[in-house]
């Protein structure tokens, strides 16, 4: 009796996909995301505002009106201390001008953020859209 060493169906396609490596990859990614997500949600204590020094492009001459808020929350129009109602009147005067100046808002970095937002809201209420937030150059 003769023996045949032929393979049966040597060129058949594999009809099954081995999903074990895909499951391993999925679980590995899940573990990585579970570990890194809490790290991304932590807040970082920052001391703002500080800006790095970089060359400024030259601009046309623009008129500025400076509003400053000191550490205690006192508001200044230029160098004169003003109340919020007086500031509202002064901003109303700027609104009436045909070409109002750029408002430069300077606030102490230890000041509550809400106080700055109140002043910005007051500026926006008078439809003054040209606003510059001053920062310290480091």
N, C-alpha and C. Protein backbone atom coordinates (compact mmCIF):
# COMPACT_ATOMS: atom_id res chain seq x y z
N UNK A 1 0.81 -1.14 0.00
CA UNK A 1 0.00 0.00 0.00
C UNK A 1 0.88 1.24 0.00
N UNK A 2 0.60 2.16 -0.85
CA UNK A 2 1.41 3.37 -0.99
C UNK A 2 0.81 4.50 -0.14
N UNK A 3 1.69 5.24 0.38
CA UNK A 3 1.26 6.34 1.24
C UNK A 3 1.35 7.65 0.46
N UNK A 4 0.37 8.53 0.55
CA UNK A 4 0.40 9.84 -0.10
C UNK A 4 0.67 10.92 0.94
N UNK A 5 1.55 11.80 0.58
CA UNK A 5 1.90 12.88 1.51
C UNK A 5 1.37 14.23 1.04
N UNK A 6 0.30 14.21 0.35
CA UNK A 6 -0.31 15.46 -0.12
C UNK A 6 -1.12 16.10 1.01
N UNK A 7 -1.04 17.41 1.07
CA UNK A 7 -1.86 18.14 2.03
C UNK A 7 -3.26 18.30 1.46
N UNK A 8 -4.18 18.26 2.33
CA UNK A 8 -5.53 18.50 1.90
C UNK A 8 -5.81 19.99 1.95
N UNK A 9 -6.32 20.53 0.89
CA UNK A 9 -6.74 21.93 0.81
C UNK A 9 -5.66 22.88 1.33
N UNK A 10 -4.55 22.90 0.71
CA UNK A 10 -3.42 23.70 1.18
C UNK A 10 -3.63 25.20 0.97
N UNK A 11 -4.46 25.64 0.10
CA UNK A 11 -4.65 27.06 -0.19
C UNK A 11 -5.98 27.58 0.31
N UNK A 12 -6.48 27.08 1.40
CA UNK A 12 -7.76 27.56 1.92
C UNK A 12 -7.54 28.78 2.80
N UNK A 13 -8.50 29.67 2.82
CA UNK A 13 -8.42 30.88 3.62
C UNK A 13 -8.86 30.59 5.04
N UNK A 14 -8.27 31.33 5.99
CA UNK A 14 -8.65 31.18 7.38
C UNK A 14 -9.95 31.95 7.57
N UNK A 15 -10.96 31.30 8.02
CA UNK A 15 -12.27 31.95 8.15
C UNK A 15 -12.50 32.52 9.54
N UNK A 16 -11.56 32.41 10.44
CA UNK A 16 -11.71 32.93 11.79
C UNK A 16 -10.64 33.99 12.05
N UNK A 17 -11.03 35.03 12.78
CA UNK A 17 -10.09 36.07 13.16
C UNK A 17 -9.74 35.87 14.62
N UNK A 18 -8.47 35.89 14.92
CA UNK A 18 -8.03 35.75 16.30
C UNK A 18 -8.17 37.10 16.99
N UNK A 19 -9.15 37.24 17.88
CA UNK A 19 -9.43 38.51 18.52
C UNK A 19 -8.73 38.68 19.86
N UNK A 20 -7.99 37.71 20.28
CA UNK A 20 -7.30 37.79 21.57
C UNK A 20 -6.34 38.99 21.63
N UNK A 21 -5.51 39.23 20.60
CA UNK A 21 -4.64 40.43 20.68
C UNK A 21 -5.43 41.73 20.71
N UNK A 22 -6.57 41.78 20.03
CA UNK A 22 -7.38 43.01 20.04
C UNK A 22 -7.99 43.25 21.42
N UNK A 23 -8.41 42.18 22.08
CA UNK A 23 -8.97 42.33 23.43
C UNK A 23 -7.87 42.77 24.40
N UNK A 24 -6.68 42.21 24.25
CA UNK A 24 -5.55 42.63 25.10
C UNK A 24 -5.24 44.10 24.91
N UNK A 25 -5.26 44.55 23.66
CA UNK A 25 -5.00 45.96 23.37
C UNK A 25 -6.09 46.85 23.97
N UNK A 26 -7.34 46.45 23.85
CA UNK A 26 -8.44 47.24 24.39
C UNK A 26 -8.33 47.37 25.90
N UNK A 27 -8.03 46.28 26.59
CA UNK A 27 -7.89 46.34 28.03
C UNK A 27 -6.67 47.16 28.44
N UNK A 28 -5.60 47.08 27.69
CA UNK A 28 -4.41 47.89 28.00
C UNK A 28 -4.72 49.38 27.88
N UNK A 29 -5.42 49.76 26.80
CA UNK A 29 -5.80 51.17 26.63
C UNK A 29 -6.76 51.62 27.72
N UNK A 30 -7.68 50.75 28.11
CA UNK A 30 -8.62 51.09 29.17
C UNK A 30 -7.88 51.35 30.48
N UNK A 31 -6.92 50.54 30.80
CA UNK A 31 -6.14 50.74 32.02
C UNK A 31 -5.34 52.03 31.95
N UNK A 32 -4.73 52.32 30.81
CA UNK A 32 -3.96 53.56 30.65
C UNK A 32 -4.86 54.77 30.84
N UNK A 33 -6.05 54.78 30.23
CA UNK A 33 -6.96 55.91 30.38
C UNK A 33 -7.50 56.03 31.79
N UNK A 34 -7.72 54.91 32.46
CA UNK A 34 -8.20 54.96 33.85
C UNK A 34 -7.14 55.54 34.78
N UNK A 35 -5.89 55.33 34.48
CA UNK A 35 -4.82 55.86 35.32
C UNK A 35 -4.56 57.34 35.02
N UNK A 36 -4.57 57.72 33.74
CA UNK A 36 -4.20 59.10 33.39
C UNK A 36 -5.33 60.10 33.54
N UNK A 37 -6.58 59.70 33.47
CA UNK A 37 -7.69 60.65 33.54
C UNK A 37 -7.73 61.41 34.87
N UNK A 38 -7.61 60.76 36.01
CA UNK A 38 -7.60 61.56 37.26
C UNK A 38 -6.44 62.53 37.34
N UNK A 39 -5.33 62.23 36.72
CA UNK A 39 -4.19 63.14 36.74
C UNK A 39 -4.47 64.40 35.93
N UNK A 40 -5.25 64.29 34.88
CA UNK A 40 -5.57 65.44 34.04
C UNK A 40 -6.56 66.37 34.71
N UNK A 41 -7.38 65.86 35.62
CA UNK A 41 -8.42 66.66 36.24
C UNK A 41 -7.93 67.49 37.42
N UNK A 42 -6.72 67.28 37.88
CA UNK A 42 -6.21 68.05 39.00
C UNK A 42 -5.92 69.47 38.55
N UNK A 43 -6.18 70.41 39.44
CA UNK A 43 -5.90 71.81 39.12
C UNK A 43 -4.47 72.14 39.50
N UNK A 44 -3.91 73.04 38.76
CA UNK A 44 -2.54 73.48 38.99
C UNK A 44 -2.61 74.90 39.54
N UNK A 45 -1.99 75.17 40.68
CA UNK A 45 -2.01 76.53 41.21
C UNK A 45 -1.17 77.45 40.32
N UNK A 46 -1.77 78.55 39.89
CA UNK A 46 -1.10 79.48 38.99
C UNK A 46 -1.09 80.87 39.60
N UNK A 47 -0.07 81.63 39.27
CA UNK A 47 -0.03 83.03 39.64
C UNK A 47 -0.14 83.83 38.35
N UNK A 48 -1.32 84.27 38.06
CA UNK A 48 -1.56 85.03 36.85
C UNK A 48 -1.72 86.49 37.21
N UNK A 49 -1.60 87.39 36.35
CA UNK A 49 -1.15 87.35 34.97
C UNK A 49 0.32 87.69 34.85
N UNK A 50 1.06 86.90 34.15
CA UNK A 50 2.45 87.16 33.78
C UNK A 50 2.61 86.74 32.33
N UNK A 51 3.24 87.55 31.54
CA UNK A 51 3.43 87.27 30.14
C UNK A 51 4.91 87.31 29.82
N UNK A 52 5.36 86.38 28.99
CA UNK A 52 6.76 86.39 28.59
C UNK A 52 7.01 87.55 27.64
N UNK A 53 8.21 88.05 27.68
CA UNK A 53 8.54 89.19 26.84
C UNK A 53 8.79 88.71 25.42
N UNK A 54 8.18 89.37 24.49
CA UNK A 54 8.39 89.06 23.08
C UNK A 54 8.32 90.36 22.30
N UNK A 55 8.91 90.39 21.15
CA UNK A 55 8.90 91.64 20.39
C UNK A 55 7.49 92.02 19.96
N UNK A 56 7.19 93.28 20.14
CA UNK A 56 5.88 93.79 19.77
C UNK A 56 5.93 94.41 18.38
N UNK A 57 4.91 94.13 17.61
CA UNK A 57 4.82 94.76 16.31
C UNK A 57 4.38 96.20 16.49
N UNK A 58 4.94 97.07 15.69
CA UNK A 58 4.57 98.48 15.80
C UNK A 58 3.16 98.67 15.28
N UNK A 59 2.42 99.51 16.02
CA UNK A 59 1.04 99.77 15.67
C UNK A 59 0.83 101.26 15.51
N UNK A 60 -0.29 101.60 14.95
CA UNK A 60 -0.63 103.00 14.84
C UNK A 60 -0.92 103.56 16.23
N UNK A 61 -0.82 104.86 16.37
CA UNK A 61 -1.08 105.49 17.66
C UNK A 61 -2.56 105.35 18.01
N UNK A 62 -2.79 104.83 19.20
CA UNK A 62 -4.16 104.60 19.66
C UNK A 62 -4.32 105.27 21.02
N UNK A 63 -5.47 105.88 21.22
CA UNK A 63 -5.77 106.51 22.50
C UNK A 63 -6.24 105.44 23.49
N UNK A 64 -5.71 105.48 24.71
CA UNK A 64 -6.06 104.52 25.75
C UNK A 64 -6.71 105.23 26.92
N UNK A 65 -7.64 104.54 27.56
CA UNK A 65 -8.18 104.97 28.85
C UNK A 65 -7.91 103.83 29.83
N UNK A 66 -7.21 104.14 30.91
CA UNK A 66 -6.78 103.10 31.85
C UNK A 66 -7.76 103.02 33.01
N UNK A 67 -8.22 101.78 33.27
CA UNK A 67 -9.01 101.48 34.46
C UNK A 67 -8.19 100.50 35.28
N UNK A 68 -7.93 100.83 36.54
CA UNK A 68 -7.13 99.97 37.40
C UNK A 68 -7.95 99.53 38.60
N UNK A 69 -7.66 98.32 39.07
CA UNK A 69 -8.29 97.80 40.28
C UNK A 69 -7.17 97.32 41.20
N UNK A 70 -7.10 97.91 42.40
CA UNK A 70 -6.01 97.53 43.29
C UNK A 70 -6.37 96.29 44.11
N UNK A 71 -5.47 95.89 44.98
CA UNK A 71 -5.63 94.66 45.77
C UNK A 71 -6.87 94.70 46.65
N UNK A 72 -7.26 95.86 47.12
CA UNK A 72 -8.42 95.99 48.00
C UNK A 72 -9.73 96.04 47.22
N UNK A 73 -9.66 96.13 45.88
CA UNK A 73 -10.87 96.19 45.07
C UNK A 73 -11.28 97.60 44.70
N UNK A 74 -10.48 98.60 45.06
CA UNK A 74 -10.77 99.99 44.70
C UNK A 74 -10.51 100.20 43.22
N UNK A 75 -11.46 100.85 42.54
CA UNK A 75 -11.38 101.08 41.10
C UNK A 75 -10.84 102.48 40.86
N UNK A 76 -9.95 102.59 39.88
CA UNK A 76 -9.34 103.89 39.52
C UNK A 76 -9.60 104.18 38.06
N UNK A 77 -9.97 105.40 37.76
CA UNK A 77 -10.12 105.90 36.38
C UNK A 77 -8.89 106.75 36.13
N UNK A 78 -7.93 106.20 35.40
CA UNK A 78 -6.64 106.86 35.28
C UNK A 78 -5.93 106.75 36.61
N UNK A 79 -5.73 107.91 37.30
CA UNK A 79 -5.13 107.89 38.63
C UNK A 79 -6.12 108.29 39.71
N UNK A 80 -7.36 108.55 39.33
CA UNK A 80 -8.37 109.02 40.27
C UNK A 80 -9.25 107.86 40.75
N UNK A 81 -9.41 107.69 42.07
CA UNK A 81 -10.32 106.66 42.56
C UNK A 81 -11.77 107.03 42.25
N UNK A 82 -12.54 106.04 41.80
CA UNK A 82 -13.95 106.27 41.47
C UNK A 82 -14.79 105.14 42.05
N UNK A 83 -16.08 105.46 42.27
CA UNK A 83 -17.01 104.42 42.70
C UNK A 83 -17.54 103.71 41.45
N UNK A 84 -18.25 102.61 41.66
CA UNK A 84 -18.79 101.86 40.51
C UNK A 84 -19.84 102.67 39.77
N UNK A 85 -20.64 103.46 40.48
CA UNK A 85 -21.65 104.28 39.79
C UNK A 85 -20.98 105.38 38.97
N UNK A 86 -19.91 105.98 39.51
CA UNK A 86 -19.17 107.00 38.76
C UNK A 86 -18.49 106.38 37.54
N UNK A 87 -17.94 105.16 37.71
CA UNK A 87 -17.33 104.46 36.59
C UNK A 87 -18.36 104.19 35.50
N UNK A 88 -19.56 103.83 35.91
CA UNK A 88 -20.64 103.59 34.94
C UNK A 88 -20.95 104.87 34.16
N UNK A 89 -20.97 106.02 34.83
CA UNK A 89 -21.21 107.30 34.15
C UNK A 89 -20.07 107.63 33.18
N UNK A 90 -18.83 107.38 33.61
CA UNK A 90 -17.68 107.68 32.75
C UNK A 90 -17.66 106.78 31.51
N UNK A 91 -18.03 105.51 31.68
CA UNK A 91 -18.10 104.61 30.53
C UNK A 91 -19.23 105.02 29.59
N UNK A 92 -20.31 105.55 30.15
CA UNK A 92 -21.40 106.07 29.32
C UNK A 92 -20.95 107.24 28.47
N UNK A 93 -20.06 108.07 29.03
CA UNK A 93 -19.50 109.18 28.25
C UNK A 93 -18.63 108.69 27.10
N UNK A 94 -17.90 107.60 27.33
CA UNK A 94 -17.08 107.04 26.25
C UNK A 94 -17.96 106.41 25.17
N UNK A 95 -19.09 105.85 25.59
CA UNK A 95 -19.99 105.21 24.63
C UNK A 95 -20.55 106.24 23.65
N UNK A 96 -20.74 107.46 24.12
CA UNK A 96 -21.32 108.50 23.28
C UNK A 96 -20.34 109.02 22.24
N UNK A 97 -19.05 108.78 22.41
CA UNK A 97 -18.05 109.26 21.45
C UNK A 97 -18.13 108.45 20.16
N UNK A 98 -17.79 109.10 19.04
CA UNK A 98 -17.82 108.39 17.75
C UNK A 98 -16.67 107.40 17.63
N UNK A 99 -15.51 107.74 18.17
CA UNK A 99 -14.35 106.85 18.14
C UNK A 99 -13.82 106.71 19.57
N UNK A 100 -14.43 105.81 20.37
CA UNK A 100 -14.00 105.70 21.77
C UNK A 100 -12.60 105.12 21.89
N UNK A 101 -11.89 105.47 22.96
CA UNK A 101 -10.53 104.96 23.13
C UNK A 101 -10.54 103.47 23.51
N UNK A 102 -9.39 102.85 23.40
CA UNK A 102 -9.21 101.48 23.85
C UNK A 102 -9.15 101.51 25.37
N UNK A 103 -9.89 100.65 26.02
CA UNK A 103 -9.88 100.60 27.47
C UNK A 103 -8.82 99.60 27.90
N UNK A 104 -7.89 100.06 28.70
CA UNK A 104 -6.82 99.21 29.21
C UNK A 104 -7.15 98.88 30.67
N UNK A 105 -7.48 97.62 30.92
CA UNK A 105 -7.88 97.19 32.25
C UNK A 105 -6.69 96.56 32.96
N UNK A 106 -6.34 97.14 34.10
CA UNK A 106 -5.22 96.64 34.90
C UNK A 106 -5.79 96.21 36.24
N UNK A 107 -5.48 94.96 36.64
CA UNK A 107 -5.98 94.46 37.92
C UNK A 107 -4.86 93.74 38.66
N UNK A 108 -4.87 93.87 39.96
CA UNK A 108 -3.89 93.18 40.80
C UNK A 108 -4.10 91.68 40.68
N UNK A 109 -3.01 90.92 40.63
CA UNK A 109 -3.13 89.48 40.41
C UNK A 109 -3.74 88.74 41.59
N UNK A 110 -3.73 89.33 42.79
CA UNK A 110 -4.33 88.67 43.94
C UNK A 110 -5.81 88.98 44.09
N UNK A 111 -6.33 89.81 43.21
CA UNK A 111 -7.74 90.20 43.25
C UNK A 111 -8.63 89.05 42.85
N UNK A 112 -9.83 88.97 43.44
CA UNK A 112 -10.79 87.95 43.05
C UNK A 112 -11.17 88.15 41.58
N UNK A 113 -11.23 87.07 40.86
CA UNK A 113 -11.53 87.10 39.43
C UNK A 113 -12.92 87.70 39.18
N UNK A 114 -13.85 87.47 40.07
CA UNK A 114 -15.21 87.98 39.91
C UNK A 114 -15.23 89.51 39.82
N UNK A 115 -14.37 90.16 40.57
CA UNK A 115 -14.33 91.63 40.54
C UNK A 115 -13.93 92.13 39.15
N UNK A 116 -12.97 91.45 38.53
CA UNK A 116 -12.54 91.83 37.18
C UNK A 116 -13.68 91.60 36.19
N UNK A 117 -14.38 90.48 36.34
CA UNK A 117 -15.49 90.16 35.44
C UNK A 117 -16.61 91.19 35.59
N UNK A 118 -16.86 91.69 36.79
CA UNK A 118 -17.89 92.72 36.98
C UNK A 118 -17.55 93.98 36.20
N UNK A 119 -16.28 94.38 36.22
CA UNK A 119 -15.86 95.57 35.48
C UNK A 119 -15.96 95.31 33.97
N UNK A 120 -15.56 94.12 33.53
CA UNK A 120 -15.65 93.79 32.10
C UNK A 120 -17.12 93.79 31.66
N UNK A 121 -18.02 93.26 32.50
CA UNK A 121 -19.45 93.28 32.18
C UNK A 121 -19.96 94.71 32.06
N UNK A 122 -19.47 95.59 32.93
CA UNK A 122 -19.89 96.99 32.87
C UNK A 122 -19.41 97.63 31.57
N UNK A 123 -18.19 97.29 31.15
CA UNK A 123 -17.64 97.83 29.89
C UNK A 123 -18.46 97.31 28.70
N UNK A 124 -18.78 96.02 28.73
CA UNK A 124 -19.56 95.43 27.63
C UNK A 124 -20.99 95.96 27.59
N UNK A 125 -21.54 96.33 28.74
CA UNK A 125 -22.90 96.87 28.78
C UNK A 125 -22.98 98.21 28.04
N UNK A 126 -21.87 98.92 27.98
CA UNK A 126 -21.83 100.20 27.26
C UNK A 126 -21.37 100.03 25.82
N UNK A 127 -21.33 98.79 25.35
CA UNK A 127 -20.97 98.46 23.97
C UNK A 127 -19.58 98.97 23.59
N UNK A 128 -18.67 98.91 24.54
CA UNK A 128 -17.27 99.26 24.29
C UNK A 128 -16.52 97.94 24.09
N UNK A 129 -16.12 97.68 22.87
CA UNK A 129 -15.56 96.36 22.54
C UNK A 129 -14.04 96.34 22.46
N UNK A 130 -13.42 97.47 22.45
CA UNK A 130 -11.95 97.51 22.36
C UNK A 130 -11.38 97.51 23.78
N UNK A 131 -10.98 96.33 24.24
CA UNK A 131 -10.53 96.14 25.60
C UNK A 131 -9.15 95.50 25.61
N UNK A 132 -8.26 96.01 26.42
CA UNK A 132 -6.92 95.48 26.55
C UNK A 132 -6.71 95.08 28.00
N UNK A 133 -6.36 93.81 28.25
CA UNK A 133 -6.06 93.34 29.60
C UNK A 133 -4.55 93.38 29.79
N UNK A 134 -4.08 94.25 30.66
CA UNK A 134 -2.64 94.41 30.88
C UNK A 134 -2.10 93.27 31.72
N UNK A 135 -0.90 92.82 31.36
CA UNK A 135 -0.20 91.78 32.12
C UNK A 135 1.20 92.26 32.43
N UNK A 136 1.84 91.58 33.33
CA UNK A 136 3.22 91.89 33.70
C UNK A 136 4.17 91.15 32.78
N UNK A 137 5.13 91.87 32.22
CA UNK A 137 6.11 91.24 31.33
C UNK A 137 7.23 90.70 32.19
N UNK A 138 7.56 89.45 31.96
CA UNK A 138 8.59 88.80 32.77
C UNK A 138 9.90 88.76 32.06
